[in-house]
Amino acid sequence: MRVCIGKALRVGPGDEVIIRGQLPASSRLSRLFVFAKEGAMEYSPYVKDIRIKMAVGGPPQLYSPLSMRLDTNRDSRELSFFVDFDGYIRVMQEVDTPKEARAKIRLKRIISPDLPWHQQFFRKIRGISAWIH
């Protein structure tokens, strides 16, 4: 089963998202997945640039969602990517039991510097209001 880790992060096209994961001391393995939500849809696994991949045509393919694996050999990792939609990002952890220790994560959003200043300001305000609710 998958459980939510941390809060959802409001993002927009062109924003950079940085996810830092840390394995809990009591665990040997954690599997983390990036989920996304756009509009009124429910959260689903996030595949980077899926619209471009699907527009090419051809036979249907399975694409791998963004994920991160933490284990005793690599107990801390960082994943960064640029978002191609307007919505929310959330990290989910795959667990065997509800009492399994949760990984520690940090989400950071860097608003696209290519946007005009007033759009950057609007995104900051929109992001802050998303954390309040």
N, C-alpha and C. Protein backbone atom coordinates (compact mmCIF):
# COMPACT_ATOMS: atom_id res chain seq x y z
N MET A 1 0.84 -1.16 0.00
CA MET A 1 0.00 0.00 0.00
C MET A 1 0.89 1.23 0.00
N ARG A 2 0.34 2.32 -0.44
CA ARG A 2 1.08 3.58 -0.48
C ARG A 2 0.47 4.57 0.50
N VAL A 3 1.35 5.29 1.19
CA VAL A 3 0.91 6.32 2.14
C VAL A 3 1.55 7.65 1.78
N CYS A 4 0.84 8.73 2.09
CA CYS A 4 1.35 10.08 1.80
C CYS A 4 2.44 10.45 2.78
N ILE A 5 3.44 11.12 2.26
CA ILE A 5 4.53 11.63 3.10
C ILE A 5 4.55 13.14 2.94
N GLY A 6 4.41 13.87 4.01
CA GLY A 6 4.44 15.33 3.94
C GLY A 6 3.20 15.92 3.28
N LYS A 7 3.27 17.23 3.03
CA LYS A 7 2.16 17.95 2.42
C LYS A 7 2.32 18.00 0.91
N ALA A 8 1.23 18.34 0.25
CA ALA A 8 1.27 18.54 -1.20
C ALA A 8 1.93 19.89 -1.49
N LEU A 9 2.58 19.98 -2.64
CA LEU A 9 3.27 21.19 -3.05
C LEU A 9 2.63 21.74 -4.31
N ARG A 10 2.21 23.00 -4.28
CA ARG A 10 1.58 23.66 -5.43
C ARG A 10 2.67 24.03 -6.42
N VAL A 11 2.50 23.64 -7.70
CA VAL A 11 3.50 23.90 -8.74
C VAL A 11 2.83 24.41 -10.00
N GLY A 12 3.64 24.99 -10.87
CA GLY A 12 3.17 25.47 -12.16
C GLY A 12 4.19 25.11 -13.24
N PRO A 13 3.81 25.23 -14.50
CA PRO A 13 4.72 24.87 -15.60
C PRO A 13 6.04 25.64 -15.51
N GLY A 14 7.14 24.92 -15.67
CA GLY A 14 8.46 25.53 -15.63
C GLY A 14 9.09 25.58 -14.26
N ASP A 15 8.33 25.33 -13.20
CA ASP A 15 8.89 25.32 -11.85
C ASP A 15 9.81 24.12 -11.67
N GLU A 16 10.87 24.32 -10.92
CA GLU A 16 11.76 23.21 -10.59
C GLU A 16 11.37 22.69 -9.21
N VAL A 17 11.27 21.38 -9.09
CA VAL A 17 10.95 20.74 -7.82
C VAL A 17 12.15 19.92 -7.39
N ILE A 18 12.56 20.10 -6.15
CA ILE A 18 13.66 19.33 -5.59
C ILE A 18 13.12 18.54 -4.41
N ILE A 19 13.32 17.23 -4.45
CA ILE A 19 12.86 16.34 -3.38
C ILE A 19 14.08 15.69 -2.76
N ARG A 20 14.24 15.87 -1.46
CA ARG A 20 15.33 15.22 -0.73
C ARG A 20 14.72 14.17 0.19
N GLY A 21 15.20 12.95 0.08
CA GLY A 21 14.70 11.86 0.90
C GLY A 21 15.76 11.32 1.84
N GLN A 22 15.35 10.94 3.05
CA GLN A 22 16.25 10.38 4.05
C GLN A 22 15.63 9.12 4.62
N LEU A 23 16.37 8.04 4.60
CA LEU A 23 15.91 6.76 5.15
C LEU A 23 15.86 6.84 6.67
N PRO A 24 14.75 6.40 7.30
CA PRO A 24 14.71 6.40 8.76
C PRO A 24 15.73 5.40 9.31
N ALA A 25 16.27 5.68 10.48
CA ALA A 25 17.30 4.83 11.08
C ALA A 25 16.82 3.40 11.31
N SER A 26 15.54 3.22 11.55
CA SER A 26 15.00 1.89 11.85
C SER A 26 14.65 1.08 10.60
N SER A 27 14.84 1.63 9.42
CA SER A 27 14.47 0.94 8.18
C SER A 27 15.68 0.54 7.37
N ARG A 28 15.47 -0.45 6.52
CA ARG A 28 16.52 -0.89 5.61
C ARG A 28 16.22 -0.49 4.16
N LEU A 29 14.93 -0.18 3.89
CA LEU A 29 14.52 0.14 2.52
C LEU A 29 13.28 1.02 2.53
N SER A 30 13.27 2.02 1.66
CA SER A 30 12.09 2.87 1.44
C SER A 30 11.97 3.12 -0.05
N ARG A 31 10.77 2.97 -0.56
CA ARG A 31 10.48 3.24 -1.97
C ARG A 31 9.52 4.42 -2.02
N LEU A 32 9.98 5.51 -2.62
CA LEU A 32 9.19 6.73 -2.70
C LEU A 32 8.80 7.00 -4.15
N PHE A 33 7.58 7.48 -4.34
CA PHE A 33 7.06 7.78 -5.67
C PHE A 33 6.49 9.19 -5.70
N VAL A 34 6.66 9.86 -6.83
CA VAL A 34 6.11 11.20 -7.01
C VAL A 34 4.73 11.05 -7.64
N PHE A 35 3.73 11.67 -7.02
CA PHE A 35 2.36 11.67 -7.54
C PHE A 35 1.98 13.10 -7.89
N ALA A 36 1.10 13.25 -8.85
CA ALA A 36 0.68 14.58 -9.30
C ALA A 36 -0.84 14.64 -9.40
N LYS A 37 -1.34 15.87 -9.28
CA LYS A 37 -2.78 16.12 -9.38
C LYS A 37 -2.97 17.42 -10.14
N GLU A 38 -3.82 17.37 -11.15
CA GLU A 38 -4.11 18.56 -11.93
C GLU A 38 -5.62 18.79 -11.93
N GLY A 39 -6.04 19.98 -11.53
CA GLY A 39 -7.47 20.29 -11.48
C GLY A 39 -8.18 19.44 -10.44
N ALA A 40 -9.36 18.92 -10.81
CA ALA A 40 -10.18 18.13 -9.89
C ALA A 40 -9.84 16.64 -9.93
N MET A 41 -8.83 16.27 -10.71
CA MET A 41 -8.44 14.87 -10.80
C MET A 41 -7.87 14.38 -9.47
N GLU A 42 -7.77 13.06 -9.32
CA GLU A 42 -7.13 12.49 -8.14
C GLU A 42 -5.64 12.34 -8.40
N TYR A 43 -4.88 12.15 -7.32
CA TYR A 43 -3.43 11.96 -7.47
C TYR A 43 -3.14 10.67 -8.23
N SER A 44 -2.15 10.75 -9.13
CA SER A 44 -1.72 9.58 -9.88
C SER A 44 -0.21 9.67 -10.06
N PRO A 45 0.46 8.54 -10.34
CA PRO A 45 1.91 8.57 -10.51
C PRO A 45 2.31 9.57 -11.59
N TYR A 46 3.34 10.35 -11.32
CA TYR A 46 3.79 11.40 -12.23
C TYR A 46 4.86 10.87 -13.17
N VAL A 47 4.58 10.96 -14.46
CA VAL A 47 5.55 10.61 -15.50
C VAL A 47 5.96 11.91 -16.17
N LYS A 48 7.24 12.21 -16.11
CA LYS A 48 7.74 13.47 -16.67
C LYS A 48 7.53 13.51 -18.17
N ASP A 49 7.03 14.64 -18.67
CA ASP A 49 6.82 14.89 -20.11
C ASP A 49 5.90 13.85 -20.77
N ILE A 50 4.89 13.38 -20.07
CA ILE A 50 4.00 12.35 -20.62
C ILE A 50 3.23 12.85 -21.83
N ARG A 51 2.85 14.12 -21.84
CA ARG A 51 2.09 14.63 -22.98
C ARG A 51 2.91 14.58 -24.25
N ILE A 52 4.19 14.88 -24.17
CA ILE A 52 5.07 14.82 -25.34
C ILE A 52 5.26 13.37 -25.78
N LYS A 53 5.46 12.48 -24.82
CA LYS A 53 5.66 11.06 -25.14
C LYS A 53 4.43 10.46 -25.80
N MET A 54 3.24 10.85 -25.34
CA MET A 54 2.01 10.29 -25.89
C MET A 54 1.67 10.91 -27.24
N ALA A 55 2.10 12.14 -27.50
CA ALA A 55 1.79 12.82 -28.76
C ALA A 55 2.54 12.23 -29.94
N VAL A 56 3.63 11.54 -29.68
CA VAL A 56 4.45 10.97 -30.75
C VAL A 56 3.67 9.91 -31.51
N GLY A 57 2.78 9.22 -30.85
CA GLY A 57 1.98 8.19 -31.50
C GLY A 57 2.65 6.83 -31.39
N GLY A 58 2.18 5.90 -32.19
CA GLY A 58 2.72 4.55 -32.14
C GLY A 58 1.96 3.70 -31.14
N PRO A 59 2.46 2.50 -30.90
CA PRO A 59 1.76 1.58 -29.98
C PRO A 59 1.84 2.07 -28.53
N PRO A 60 0.85 1.73 -27.72
CA PRO A 60 0.87 2.13 -26.30
C PRO A 60 2.10 1.56 -25.59
N GLN A 61 2.63 2.33 -24.66
CA GLN A 61 3.80 1.90 -23.89
C GLN A 61 3.57 2.16 -22.42
N LEU A 62 4.30 1.42 -21.59
CA LEU A 62 4.29 1.68 -20.15
C LEU A 62 5.46 2.60 -19.84
N TYR A 63 5.20 3.66 -19.11
CA TYR A 63 6.24 4.60 -18.72
C TYR A 63 6.45 4.51 -17.22
N SER A 64 7.67 4.70 -16.79
CA SER A 64 8.00 4.64 -15.37
C SER A 64 7.76 5.99 -14.70
N PRO A 65 7.06 5.99 -13.58
CA PRO A 65 6.87 7.25 -12.85
C PRO A 65 8.16 7.65 -12.14
N LEU A 66 8.25 8.92 -11.77
CA LEU A 66 9.42 9.37 -11.02
C LEU A 66 9.41 8.70 -9.65
N SER A 67 10.54 8.14 -9.29
CA SER A 67 10.62 7.43 -8.01
C SER A 67 12.02 7.55 -7.44
N MET A 68 12.14 7.16 -6.19
CA MET A 68 13.40 7.22 -5.48
C MET A 68 13.46 6.02 -4.54
N ARG A 69 14.58 5.32 -4.55
CA ARG A 69 14.76 4.17 -3.67
C ARG A 69 15.86 4.49 -2.67
N LEU A 70 15.54 4.35 -1.41
CA LEU A 70 16.50 4.57 -0.33
C LEU A 70 16.79 3.24 0.35
N ASP A 71 18.05 2.93 0.55
CA ASP A 71 18.42 1.70 1.26
C ASP A 71 19.63 1.98 2.14
N THR A 72 20.13 0.94 2.80
CA THR A 72 21.23 1.14 3.75
C THR A 72 22.52 1.59 3.06
N ASN A 73 22.70 1.26 1.80
CA ASN A 73 23.88 1.70 1.06
C ASN A 73 23.77 3.15 0.61
N ARG A 74 22.55 3.60 0.39
CA ARG A 74 22.31 4.97 -0.07
C ARG A 74 21.09 5.51 0.70
N ASP A 75 21.36 5.97 1.91
CA ASP A 75 20.26 6.35 2.80
C ASP A 75 19.72 7.75 2.58
N SER A 76 20.33 8.50 1.66
CA SER A 76 19.83 9.83 1.36
C SER A 76 20.01 10.09 -0.13
N ARG A 77 18.98 10.65 -0.73
CA ARG A 77 19.03 10.94 -2.16
C ARG A 77 18.29 12.23 -2.45
N GLU A 78 18.57 12.76 -3.65
CA GLU A 78 17.89 13.97 -4.10
C GLU A 78 17.42 13.74 -5.53
N LEU A 79 16.23 14.21 -5.80
CA LEU A 79 15.62 14.10 -7.12
C LEU A 79 15.14 15.49 -7.51
N SER A 80 15.50 15.94 -8.72
CA SER A 80 15.00 17.24 -9.16
C SER A 80 14.49 17.13 -10.58
N PHE A 81 13.45 17.90 -10.87
CA PHE A 81 12.83 17.88 -12.20
C PHE A 81 12.05 19.16 -12.41
N PHE A 82 11.75 19.45 -13.68
CA PHE A 82 10.95 20.61 -14.04
C PHE A 82 9.53 20.15 -14.34
N VAL A 83 8.57 20.84 -13.79
CA VAL A 83 7.16 20.47 -13.90
C VAL A 83 6.60 20.98 -15.23
N ASP A 84 5.71 20.19 -15.82
CA ASP A 84 5.10 20.55 -17.10
C ASP A 84 3.58 20.68 -17.01
N PHE A 85 3.07 20.96 -15.82
CA PHE A 85 1.62 21.11 -15.63
C PHE A 85 1.35 22.08 -14.48
N ASP A 86 0.09 22.43 -14.30
CA ASP A 86 -0.34 23.32 -13.21
C ASP A 86 -1.16 22.51 -12.23
N GLY A 87 -0.66 22.32 -11.03
CA GLY A 87 -1.38 21.51 -10.05
C GLY A 87 -0.57 21.30 -8.79
N TYR A 88 -0.59 20.05 -8.29
CA TYR A 88 0.06 19.71 -7.03
C TYR A 88 0.96 18.49 -7.21
N ILE A 89 2.05 18.47 -6.45
CA ILE A 89 2.97 17.33 -6.39
C ILE A 89 2.91 16.79 -4.96
N ARG A 90 2.95 15.48 -4.84
CA ARG A 90 2.94 14.84 -3.53
C ARG A 90 3.84 13.61 -3.59
N VAL A 91 4.48 13.28 -2.47
CA VAL A 91 5.34 12.10 -2.41
C VAL A 91 4.60 11.02 -1.63
N MET A 92 4.62 9.81 -2.18
CA MET A 92 4.00 8.65 -1.53
C MET A 92 5.09 7.61 -1.27
N GLN A 93 4.93 6.89 -0.16
CA GLN A 93 5.86 5.82 0.17
C GLN A 93 5.13 4.49 0.11
N GLU A 94 5.77 3.52 -0.48
CA GLU A 94 5.21 2.18 -0.52
C GLU A 94 5.60 1.46 0.77
N VAL A 95 4.60 0.99 1.50
CA VAL A 95 4.85 0.32 2.78
C VAL A 95 4.16 -1.05 2.79
N ASP A 96 4.72 -1.95 3.60
CA ASP A 96 4.13 -3.28 3.75
C ASP A 96 3.08 -3.30 4.84
N THR A 97 3.32 -2.55 5.92
CA THR A 97 2.37 -2.47 7.02
C THR A 97 2.15 -1.01 7.39
N PRO A 98 0.99 -0.67 7.95
CA PRO A 98 0.74 0.73 8.33
C PRO A 98 1.70 1.27 9.39
N LYS A 99 2.33 0.40 10.16
CA LYS A 99 3.23 0.84 11.23
C LYS A 99 4.68 0.98 10.77
N GLU A 100 4.95 0.71 9.51
CA GLU A 100 6.31 0.82 8.98
C GLU A 100 6.80 2.27 9.08
N ALA A 101 8.08 2.43 9.42
CA ALA A 101 8.65 3.78 9.58
C ALA A 101 8.61 4.54 8.26
N ARG A 102 8.31 5.82 8.33
CA ARG A 102 8.21 6.68 7.14
C ARG A 102 9.54 7.37 6.87
N ALA A 103 9.85 7.51 5.61
CA ALA A 103 11.04 8.25 5.22
C ALA A 103 10.82 9.73 5.51
N LYS A 104 11.90 10.45 5.66
CA LYS A 104 11.82 11.90 5.85
C LYS A 104 12.09 12.55 4.50
N ILE A 105 11.24 13.49 4.13
CA ILE A 105 11.43 14.16 2.85
C ILE A 105 11.36 15.67 3.03
N ARG A 106 11.98 16.35 2.09
CA ARG A 106 11.87 17.81 2.00
C ARG A 106 11.55 18.15 0.57
N LEU A 107 10.50 18.93 0.39
CA LEU A 107 10.10 19.39 -0.94
C LEU A 107 10.46 20.86 -1.07
N LYS A 108 11.03 21.20 -2.21
CA LYS A 108 11.37 22.60 -2.47
C LYS A 108 10.95 22.92 -3.89
N ARG A 109 10.34 24.09 -4.05
CA ARG A 109 9.92 24.55 -5.37
C ARG A 109 10.69 25.82 -5.70
N ILE A 110 11.25 25.85 -6.90
CA ILE A 110 11.90 27.06 -7.40
C ILE A 110 11.06 27.55 -8.57
N ILE A 111 10.43 28.69 -8.39
CA ILE A 111 9.55 29.24 -9.43
C ILE A 111 10.38 29.59 -10.65
N SER A 112 9.84 29.31 -11.81
CA SER A 112 10.54 29.54 -13.07
C SER A 112 11.02 31.00 -13.17
N PRO A 113 12.34 31.20 -13.33
CA PRO A 113 12.85 32.57 -13.44
C PRO A 113 12.53 33.21 -14.79
N ASP A 114 12.03 32.44 -15.74
CA ASP A 114 11.70 32.96 -17.06
C ASP A 114 10.37 33.72 -17.08
N LEU A 115 9.60 33.60 -16.00
CA LEU A 115 8.30 34.28 -15.93
C LEU A 115 8.49 35.76 -15.61
N PRO A 116 7.57 36.61 -16.08
CA PRO A 116 7.60 38.02 -15.67
C PRO A 116 7.42 38.11 -14.15
N TRP A 117 7.90 39.21 -13.56
CA TRP A 117 7.90 39.35 -12.11
C TRP A 117 6.51 39.22 -11.51
N HIS A 118 5.47 39.74 -12.20
CA HIS A 118 4.13 39.69 -11.61
C HIS A 118 3.58 38.25 -11.59
N GLN A 119 3.94 37.43 -12.56
CA GLN A 119 3.52 36.03 -12.54
C GLN A 119 4.28 35.25 -11.47
N GLN A 120 5.55 35.57 -11.28
CA GLN A 120 6.31 34.93 -10.20
C GLN A 120 5.69 35.28 -8.84
N PHE A 121 5.32 36.53 -8.66
CA PHE A 121 4.67 36.97 -7.42
C PHE A 121 3.35 36.24 -7.21
N PHE A 122 2.53 36.13 -8.27
CA PHE A 122 1.25 35.44 -8.17
C PHE A 122 1.45 33.98 -7.76
N ARG A 123 2.46 33.32 -8.34
CA ARG A 123 2.73 31.92 -7.98
C ARG A 123 3.17 31.78 -6.53
N LYS A 124 3.95 32.74 -6.04
CA LYS A 124 4.37 32.69 -4.64
C LYS A 124 3.15 32.80 -3.73
N ILE A 125 2.27 33.74 -4.02
CA ILE A 125 1.05 33.92 -3.22
C ILE A 125 0.18 32.68 -3.28
N ARG A 126 0.00 32.14 -4.48
CA ARG A 126 -0.82 30.94 -4.66
C ARG A 126 -0.22 29.75 -3.90
N GLY A 127 1.10 29.64 -3.90
CA GLY A 127 1.77 28.57 -3.16
C GLY A 127 1.60 28.70 -1.67
N ILE A 128 1.68 29.93 -1.17
CA ILE A 128 1.51 30.17 0.26
C ILE A 128 0.07 29.85 0.69
N SER A 129 -0.90 30.25 -0.11
CA SER A 129 -2.29 29.96 0.26
C SER A 129 -2.58 28.48 0.21
N ALA A 130 -1.88 27.72 -0.63
CA ALA A 130 -2.07 26.28 -0.68
C ALA A 130 -1.57 25.62 0.62
N TRP A 131 -0.51 26.16 1.22
CA TRP A 131 0.01 25.61 2.47
C TRP A 131 -0.90 25.93 3.64
N ILE A 132 -1.59 27.07 3.58
CA ILE A 132 -2.48 27.46 4.67
C ILE A 132 -3.69 26.55 4.75
N HIS A 133 -4.22 26.15 3.59
CA HIS A 133 -5.43 25.34 3.57
C HIS A 133 -5.10 23.92 3.69
